[in-house]
Structures are given as C-alpha cells and as structure tokens.
Amino acid sequence: VSGTPEPGHVEDEIQHYKKVFEGITLSFTDPYVPYSTYVASDAADVTIGVPSGSLTESFGRGNKVLMFGQAAETGFYFSFPFEGAWLMTEPSYQEFSDHLDFLRMQSRQTLASQWAVIREQILEDAMSDNPIIVLREILRRIAI
C-alpha cells in the first residue's frame, strides 16, 4: 500500500498472508511507523519483490535484493532499467529458488561492491546528473 492505508486494510492483508503461508512464521512491519520498510529491508538477508521505489532504494543502500520484472510482451511492463543478478524476468519457481540460494550464499559486501556502478547510476547524490541521464535514456528507448 502506498500512502495511508484504509481502516482495516493492514489487518486484512496480514490475515491474507498468514493464510497463504500457513505454517510459516511471518513478521510484518507496521506501516504507521516511519521508515519501517527501510528497517525491514536493511535487516533482511535478501529483500524480494517487484522493482518498486522501496526495493530500488534498498538496492541503492547496498542491500541484497531480488526484483521480479515482467517481459514487455506479456502485458503491463514492470521491470528495472538494468539487467543483473538483482533482477529476474518471469522466472520459473526452480529458477527463482536457485537464484535466491545463489544470492543468499553471497555476502552483502561482495554484492554491494559488484553492483556499485549500477547502484550509483540509479541512486546517486543530488548533485549528480547520472539518474537524470539514465531516465532520459529509458524514455528515449520507450519512445522508439
């Protein structure tokens, strides 16, 4: 949920995931606590999800992430501008499982170092034009 959740939404969502993942111990962040998403992703071994703002920011902070993109030809395109070990496009469960195992075997420092160039192109200090250049290139590719 982006923004302030509707009354009861958080509780409904928690119950949904408890049912889906019955038998697995889950924990949930409190969306009313500022920066709870940052705290959770910084504490996680690997943060998994679609290439959202939160996951992109976690990637930018040097965390291990596994993003799921969608192939442009399958419908609504939701992906990440750079290919790499941080991104899988419509993988099978086995591909996902194998790749997650691979990421979990790597240290955070190793991946942060290997991914540094891309991280700096995506999220860099406010005085840099690199993110704007990347965005312009993405828009140029889409316009073609």
Protein backbone atom coordinates (compact mmCIF):
# COMPACT_ATOMS: atom_id res chain seq x y z
CA VAL A 1 0.00 0.00 0.00
CA SER A 2 1.29 3.44 -0.91
CA GLY A 3 0.25 6.25 1.38
CA THR A 4 -2.02 5.88 4.37
CA PRO A 5 -3.87 2.54 4.38
CA GLU A 6 -7.65 2.45 4.62
CA PRO A 7 -9.04 1.32 8.00
CA GLY A 8 -8.82 -2.46 8.29
CA HIS A 9 -6.66 -2.85 5.18
CA VAL A 10 -3.46 -3.71 7.05
CA GLU A 11 -5.21 -6.30 9.21
CA ASP A 12 -6.90 -7.85 6.15
CA GLU A 13 -3.59 -8.03 4.33
CA ILE A 14 -1.86 -9.65 7.31
CA GLN A 15 -4.61 -12.28 7.56
CA HIS A 16 -4.35 -12.96 3.83
CA TYR A 17 -0.61 -13.64 4.00
CA LYS A 18 -0.94 -15.72 7.16
CA LYS A 19 -3.42 -17.91 5.31
CA VAL A 20 -1.31 -18.12 2.13
CA PHE A 21 1.82 -19.01 4.11
CA GLU A 22 0.15 -21.12 6.79
CA GLY A 23 2.68 -22.99 8.90
CA ILE A 24 5.47 -20.47 8.23
CA THR A 25 6.46 -17.93 10.85
CA LEU A 26 5.93 -14.46 9.42
CA SER A 27 6.57 -10.98 10.74
CA PHE A 28 5.05 -7.78 9.47
CA THR A 29 6.17 -4.18 9.57
CA ASP A 30 3.86 -1.53 10.94
CA PRO A 31 3.05 0.87 8.09
CA TYR A 32 2.29 3.58 10.65
CA VAL A 33 5.88 3.54 11.93
CA PRO A 34 8.08 5.88 9.89
CA TYR A 35 10.75 4.12 7.80
CA SER A 36 9.58 0.62 8.77
CA THR A 37 10.22 -0.57 5.21
CA TYR A 38 13.81 0.66 5.40
CA VAL A 39 14.35 -1.08 8.73
CA ALA A 40 12.91 -4.36 7.43
CA SER A 41 14.88 -4.37 4.18
CA ASP A 42 18.11 -3.36 5.92
CA ALA A 43 17.65 -6.26 8.39
CA ALA A 44 16.77 -8.83 5.71
CA ASP A 45 19.28 -11.14 4.10
CA VAL A 46 17.58 -10.65 0.70
CA THR A 47 14.60 -8.41 0.02
CA ILE A 48 12.32 -9.83 -2.67
CA GLY A 49 9.67 -8.03 -4.72
CA VAL A 50 8.81 -6.02 -7.80
CA PRO A 51 11.09 -3.10 -8.73
CA SER A 52 9.26 -0.60 -6.54
CA GLY A 53 10.65 2.57 -5.03
CA SER A 54 11.32 0.77 -1.74
CA LEU A 55 13.18 -2.09 -3.38
CA THR A 56 15.16 0.27 -5.61
CA GLU A 57 16.15 2.31 -2.57
CA SER A 58 17.18 -0.85 -0.71
CA PHE A 59 19.31 -1.79 -3.72
CA GLY A 60 20.80 1.71 -3.65
CA ARG A 61 21.73 1.33 0.02
CA GLY A 62 23.79 -1.76 -0.82
CA ASN A 63 21.33 -4.41 0.33
CA LYS A 64 20.85 -7.74 -1.41
CA VAL A 65 17.65 -7.65 -3.45
CA LEU A 66 15.86 -9.89 -5.90
CA MET A 67 13.50 -8.00 -8.16
CA PHE A 68 10.89 -9.61 -10.39
CA GLY A 69 10.33 -7.93 -13.71
CA GLN A 70 7.77 -8.58 -16.37
CA ALA A 71 8.59 -9.18 -20.00
CA ALA A 72 7.36 -6.29 -22.13
CA GLU A 73 5.47 -8.65 -24.43
CA THR A 74 3.34 -10.18 -21.64
CA GLY A 75 1.34 -7.06 -20.89
CA PHE A 76 1.83 -4.20 -18.48
CA TYR A 77 5.59 -3.70 -18.39
CA PHE A 78 7.05 -3.56 -14.91
CA SER A 79 10.79 -4.00 -14.70
CA PHE A 80 14.12 -2.39 -13.89
CA PRO A 81 16.31 -0.43 -16.31
CA PHE A 82 19.40 -2.61 -15.85
CA GLU A 83 19.83 -6.37 -16.10
CA GLY A 84 21.89 -8.11 -13.45
CA ALA A 85 21.84 -10.64 -10.62
CA TRP A 86 19.37 -8.38 -8.79
CA LEU A 87 16.66 -8.91 -11.46
CA MET A 88 14.77 -11.92 -12.82
CA THR A 89 12.18 -11.66 -15.56
CA GLU A 90 9.27 -14.07 -15.18
CA PRO A 91 11.35 -16.95 -13.78
CA SER A 92 10.06 -20.44 -13.08
CA TYR A 93 9.89 -21.39 -9.41
CA GLN A 94 13.05 -23.51 -9.78
CA GLU A 95 14.94 -20.63 -11.40
CA PHE A 96 13.80 -18.34 -8.58
CA SER A 97 14.77 -20.87 -5.92
CA ASP A 98 18.21 -21.49 -7.41
CA HIS A 99 18.90 -17.78 -7.83
CA LEU A 100 17.75 -16.95 -4.31
CA ASP A 101 20.09 -19.66 -2.97
CA PHE A 102 22.91 -18.10 -5.01
CA LEU A 103 22.23 -14.63 -3.58
CA ARG A 104 21.97 -15.95 -0.04
CA MET A 105 25.43 -17.55 -0.37
CA GLN A 106 26.99 -14.18 -1.27
CA SER A 107 27.95 -11.62 1.33
CA ARG A 108 26.21 -8.27 1.31
CA GLN A 109 29.59 -6.56 0.93
CA THR A 110 30.54 -8.66 -2.09
CA LEU A 111 27.31 -7.91 -3.95
CA ALA A 112 27.30 -4.25 -2.93
CA SER A 113 30.77 -3.97 -4.43
CA GLN A 114 29.86 -5.88 -7.61
CA TRP A 115 26.69 -3.86 -8.07
CA ALA A 116 28.21 -0.46 -7.17
CA VAL A 117 28.35 1.02 -10.68
CA ILE A 118 24.66 0.32 -11.38
CA ARG A 119 23.60 1.39 -7.87
CA GLU A 120 25.35 4.71 -8.38
CA GLN A 121 23.69 5.19 -11.76
CA ILE A 122 20.23 4.58 -10.26
CA LEU A 123 20.60 6.41 -6.95
CA GLU A 124 23.27 8.98 -6.54
CA ASP A 125 23.70 12.21 -4.65
CA ALA A 126 21.51 15.15 -5.54
CA MET A 127 24.38 16.98 -7.22
CA SER A 128 24.80 14.26 -9.87
CA ASP A 129 23.04 14.19 -13.24
CA ASN A 130 23.51 10.42 -13.64
CA PRO A 131 19.95 9.41 -12.59
CA ILE A 132 18.52 12.04 -14.96
CA ILE A 133 20.70 10.72 -17.79
CA VAL A 134 19.50 7.15 -17.09
CA LEU A 135 15.86 8.28 -17.04
CA ARG A 136 16.26 10.19 -20.32
CA GLU A 137 17.75 7.09 -21.96
CA ILE A 138 14.89 4.90 -20.72
CA LEU A 139 12.33 7.38 -22.04
CA ARG A 140 14.18 7.59 -25.35
CA ARG A 141 14.02 3.76 -25.70
CA ILE A 142 10.31 3.72 -24.89
CA ALA A 143 9.56 6.46 -27.42
CA ILE A 144 11.11 4.47 -30.26
